[in-house]
C-alpha atoms as a PDB file:
ATOM      1  CA  MET A   1      24.312  -4.544   9.402  1.00  0.00           C
ATOM      2  CA  LYS A   2      23.681  -5.913  12.704  1.00  0.00           C
ATOM      3  CA  ASP A   3      22.801  -3.032  14.384  1.00  0.00           C
ATOM      4  CA  ILE A   4      20.989  -1.658  11.282  1.00  0.00           C
ATOM      5  CA  ILE A   5      19.213  -4.850  11.341  1.00  0.00           C
ATOM      6  CA  GLU A   6      18.534  -4.167  15.541  1.00  0.00           C
ATOM      7  CA  MET A   7      17.211  -0.722  15.150  1.00  0.00           C
ATOM      8  CA  ALA A   8      14.499  -2.099  12.842  1.00  0.00           C
ATOM      9  CA  ASP A   9      13.461  -4.930  14.726  1.00  0.00           C
ATOM     10  CA  HIS A  10      13.490  -2.954  17.883  1.00  0.00           C
ATOM     11  CA  ARG A  11      10.854  -0.337  15.673  1.00  0.00           C
ATOM     12  CA  ASP A  12       9.101  -2.857  13.931  1.00  0.00           C
ATOM     13  CA  VAL A  13      10.227  -1.963  10.391  1.00  0.00           C
ATOM     14  CA  ARG A  14      11.519  -5.044   8.350  1.00  0.00           C
ATOM     15  CA  ALA A  15      15.183  -4.656   6.957  1.00  0.00           C
ATOM     16  CA  LYS A  16      16.734  -7.280   4.892  1.00  0.00           C
ATOM     17  CA  PRO A  17      20.258  -6.835   3.820  1.00  0.00           C
ATOM     18  CA  VAL A  18      21.268  -8.503   0.329  1.00  0.00           C
ATOM     19  CA  VAL A  19      24.708  -8.721  -0.889  1.00  0.00           C
ATOM     20  CA  HIS A  20      25.981  -9.537  -4.661  1.00  0.00           C
ATOM     21  CA  SER A  21      29.292 -10.139  -5.815  1.00  0.00           C
ATOM     22  CA  ASP A  22      28.580 -10.735  -9.406  1.00  0.00           C
ATOM     23  CA  VAL A  23      27.944  -7.039 -10.828  1.00  0.00           C
ATOM     24  CA  ALA A  24      29.186  -3.453 -10.462  1.00  0.00           C
ATOM     25  CA  ALA A  25      27.708  -2.438  -6.544  1.00  0.00           C
ATOM     26  CA  ARG A  26      25.487   0.834  -8.557  1.00  0.00           C
ATOM     27  CA  ASP A  27      24.100  -1.752 -10.488  1.00  0.00           C
ATOM     28  CA  ALA A  28      22.830  -4.454  -7.804  1.00  0.00           C
ATOM     29  CA  ILE A  29      21.823  -1.476  -6.076  1.00  0.00           C
ATOM     30  CA  LEU A  30      19.990  -0.253  -8.486  1.00  0.00           C
ATOM     31  CA  ALA A  31      18.707  -3.788  -9.176  1.00  0.00           C
ATOM     32  CA  GLU A  32      17.647  -4.952  -5.712  1.00  0.00           C
ATOM     33  CA  ALA A  33      15.825  -0.984  -5.240  1.00  0.00           C
ATOM     34  CA  LYS A  34      13.339  -1.645  -8.373  1.00  0.00           C
ATOM     35  CA  LYS A  35      12.740  -5.608  -7.853  1.00  0.00           C
ATOM     36  CA  GLY A  36      10.738  -5.497  -4.306  1.00  0.00           C
ATOM     37  CA  PRO A  37       8.385  -2.812  -2.192  1.00  0.00           C
ATOM     38  CA  HIS A  38      11.601  -0.791  -0.950  1.00  0.00           C
ATOM     39  CA  ASP A  39      11.110   2.693  -0.075  1.00  0.00           C
ATOM     40  CA  LEU A  40      15.025   3.884   1.785  1.00  0.00           C
ATOM     41  CA  ILE A  41      18.360   2.708   0.346  1.00  0.00           C
ATOM     42  CA  ILE A  42      21.222   3.321   2.926  1.00  0.00           C
ATOM     43  CA  MET A  43      24.407   3.938   1.712  1.00  0.00           C
ATOM     44  CA  GLY A  44      27.691   4.396   4.142  1.00  0.00           C
ATOM     45  CA  VAL A  45      29.988   6.978   2.128  1.00  0.00           C
ATOM     46  CA  SER A  46      33.292   8.645   2.310  1.00  0.00           C
ATOM     47  CA  ARG A  47      33.858  12.264   0.784  1.00  0.00           C
ATOM     48  CA  ARG A  48      36.485  12.254  -2.585  1.00  0.00           C
ATOM     49  CA  PRO A  49      38.587  15.202  -2.172  1.00  0.00           C
ATOM     50  CA  GLY A  50      37.843  18.529  -4.416  1.00  0.00           C
ATOM     51  CA  ASP A  51      36.011  21.576  -4.374  1.00  0.00           C
ATOM     52  CA  LYS A  52      32.180  19.859  -4.860  1.00  0.00           C
ATOM     53  CA  LEU A  53      30.466  17.826  -2.635  1.00  0.00           C
ATOM     54  CA  PHE A  54      31.547  14.340  -4.074  1.00  0.00           C
ATOM     55  CA  PHE A  55      30.856  11.057  -2.579  1.00  0.00           C
ATOM     56  CA  GLY A  56      32.488   8.761  -5.451  1.00  0.00           C
ATOM     57  CA  ASP A  57      30.634   7.291  -8.787  1.00  0.00           C
ATOM     58  CA  THR A  58      28.795   4.399  -7.159  1.00  0.00           C
ATOM     59  CA  ALA A  59      27.127   6.906  -4.909  1.00  0.00           C
ATOM     60  CA  ALA A  60      26.634   9.560  -7.287  1.00  0.00           C
ATOM     61  CA  ALA A  61      24.871   6.906  -9.828  1.00  0.00           C
ATOM     62  CA  VAL A  62      22.239   5.465  -6.859  1.00  0.00           C
ATOM     63  CA  PHE A  63      21.936   9.387  -6.157  1.00  0.00           C
ATOM     64  CA  GLU A  64      20.729  10.044 -10.016  1.00  0.00           C
ATOM     65  CA  ASN A  65      18.641   7.061 -10.832  1.00  0.00           C
ATOM     66  CA  ALA A  66      17.423   5.461  -7.374  1.00  0.00           C
ATOM     67  CA  PRO A  67      13.379   4.871  -7.729  1.00  0.00           C
ATOM     68  CA  VAL A  68      13.682   5.315  -3.993  1.00  0.00           C
ATOM     69  CA  SER A  69      14.653   7.881  -1.193  1.00  0.00           C
ATOM     70  CA  ILE A  70      18.538   7.582  -0.555  1.00  0.00           C
ATOM     71  CA  ILE A  71      20.399   8.452   3.036  1.00  0.00           C
ATOM     72  CA  PHE A  72      24.055   8.826   3.036  1.00  0.00           C
ATOM     73  CA  ILE A  73      26.081   8.173   5.854  1.00  0.00           C
ATOM     74  CA  ALA A  74      29.315   9.137   6.143  1.00  0.00           C
ATOM     75  CA  SER A  75      31.922   6.243   7.092  1.00  0.00           C
END
C-alpha cells in the first residue's frame, strides 16, 4: 500500500487505504466503494486453477457488484 500511496501522491491523486476486519472482504470493499466519492477499486488477485479465467469468489462478487471501475493486479 505504501507504494500505491506514493505513486498517487506523485500524480496529485488522493488514495486512502482502509482496513476492515469484522466483515467479509467483498462486503467491506463494496461498502467502501458505495460510501464515498470513489472512482476506482484496485485489487490484488491470483488466478484459480481451471479452464475459465477465475480470480476467486471475492473478486467475482466485487466485479459483479461494484459501482465503480476495478483494476485486478496479479499478485
